[in-house]
Protein backbone atom coordinates (compact mmCIF):
# COMPACT_ATOMS: atom_id res chain seq x y z
CA MET A 1 0.04 -0.05 0.00
CA GLU A 2 2.77 2.41 0.94
CA ALA A 3 4.72 1.66 -2.29
CA LEU A 4 1.87 3.22 -4.26
CA GLN A 5 2.29 6.57 -2.51
CA PRO A 6 4.29 9.13 -4.47
CA VAL A 7 6.51 9.87 -1.45
CA GLN A 8 7.17 7.34 1.26
CA ASN A 9 6.08 8.34 4.73
CA ILE A 10 8.59 6.63 6.98
CA PRO A 11 6.69 7.18 10.19
CA PHE A 12 3.54 5.78 8.63
CA MET A 13 5.54 2.77 7.32
CA ARG A 14 7.03 2.22 10.81
CA ALA A 15 3.54 2.41 12.49
CA THR A 16 2.12 0.07 9.87
CA ILE A 17 4.84 -2.52 10.57
CA ARG A 18 4.22 -2.15 14.29
CA ARG A 19 0.51 -2.75 13.86
CA ARG A 20 1.07 -5.75 11.53
CA PHE A 21 3.74 -7.31 13.83
CA PRO A 22 2.87 -6.07 17.39
CA LYS A 23 5.28 -8.47 19.22
CA VAL A 24 8.38 -7.40 17.21
CA SER A 25 11.15 -5.36 18.93
CA SER A 26 11.99 -1.89 17.84
CA PRO A 27 15.33 -2.89 16.18
CA THR A 28 13.43 -5.57 14.21
CA VAL A 29 10.88 -2.98 13.08
CA ASP A 30 13.78 -0.78 11.93
CA ALA A 31 15.28 -3.67 10.06
CA LEU A 32 12.05 -4.47 8.35
CA LEU A 33 11.59 -0.89 7.46
CA ALA A 34 15.13 -0.86 5.98
CA VAL A 35 14.36 -3.95 3.86
CA LEU A 36 11.15 -2.40 2.72
CA LEU A 37 12.88 0.87 1.65
CA GLN A 38 15.53 -1.11 -0.08
CA GLN A 39 12.98 -3.07 -2.13
CA LEU A 40 11.14 0.13 -3.04
CA LEU A 41 14.52 1.69 -4.23
CA GLN A 42 15.26 -1.41 -6.33
CA SER A 43 11.80 -1.36 -7.85
CA THR A 44 12.28 2.37 -8.67
CA ASN A 45 15.70 1.74 -10.22
CA GLN A 46 14.34 -1.10 -12.32
CA SER A 47 11.54 1.04 -13.59
CA GLU A 48 13.94 3.89 -14.43
CA SER A 49 16.28 1.38 -16.08
CA SER A 50 13.30 -0.01 -18.15
CA GLN A 51 12.39 3.53 -19.26
CA ALA A 52 16.04 4.25 -20.31
CA THR A 53 16.15 0.96 -22.33
CA SER A 54 12.87 1.80 -23.96
CA MET A 55 14.19 5.27 -24.88
CA ASN A 56 17.40 3.83 -26.33
CA LEU A 57 15.49 1.39 -28.32
CA GLN A 58 13.17 4.11 -29.77
CA MET A 59 16.20 6.20 -30.62
CA ALA A 60 17.81 3.23 -32.44
CA MET A 61 14.60 2.55 -34.33
CA ASP A 62 14.42 6.21 -35.38
CA ARG A 63 18.03 6.04 -36.65
CA ARG A 64 17.27 2.87 -38.51
CA SER A 65 14.24 4.32 -40.09
CA LYS A 66 16.17 7.34 -41.29
CA PHE A 67 18.92 5.15 -42.69
CA VAL A 68 16.47 2.98 -44.59
CA GLU A 69 14.78 6.14 -46.04
CA ALA A 70 18.22 7.57 -47.14
CA LEU A 71 19.17 4.17 -48.67
CA SER A 72 15.77 4.04 -50.53
CA ASN A 73 16.35 7.53 -51.92
CA VAL A 74 19.88 6.63 -53.14
CA MET A 75 18.62 3.45 -54.81
CA LYS A 76 15.79 5.46 -56.51
CA ARG A 77 18.34 7.99 -57.85
CA ILE A 78 20.57 5.19 -59.16
CA ASP A 79 17.52 3.66 -60.88
CA ASP A 80 16.56 6.94 -62.37
CA THR A 81 20.06 7.55 -63.55
CA GLN A 82 20.25 4.06 -65.23
CA GLU A 83 16.89 4.66 -66.91
CA SER A 84 18.16 8.06 -68.31
CA ILE A 85 21.33 6.41 -69.60
CA VAL A 86 19.31 3.71 -71.32
CA GLN A 87 16.90 6.27 -72.76
CA ASN A 88 19.89 8.33 -74.07
CA MET A 89 21.46 5.33 -75.69
CA LYS A 90 18.19 4.57 -77.62
C-alpha cells in the first residue's frame, strides 16, 4: 500500500509494521523498514532502467528508419540515372 504513494512516509510505514507485527522489537521494526525501503528503491531503479532501455530502443529505431529512407532515396536515384542512360542510348 505504501509503495503506491508518491513519497514514502517513513513514520507511517514504521507504524504500519508495528500494527502488523505487534510483538516485534523496535530494532526488528527498523530492520524490516530498511528492507522495505531497499525493495522500493530497487523497484524504482528497475523502472527507471526500463524507461532508459525503452528510450534507447526508440532512438535506435528512429536512426534505422532514417537510414532505410536515405538508402531508398539513393537506390531510386541510381535507378533513375540508369533509366536516363538507357533512354539516351536509344
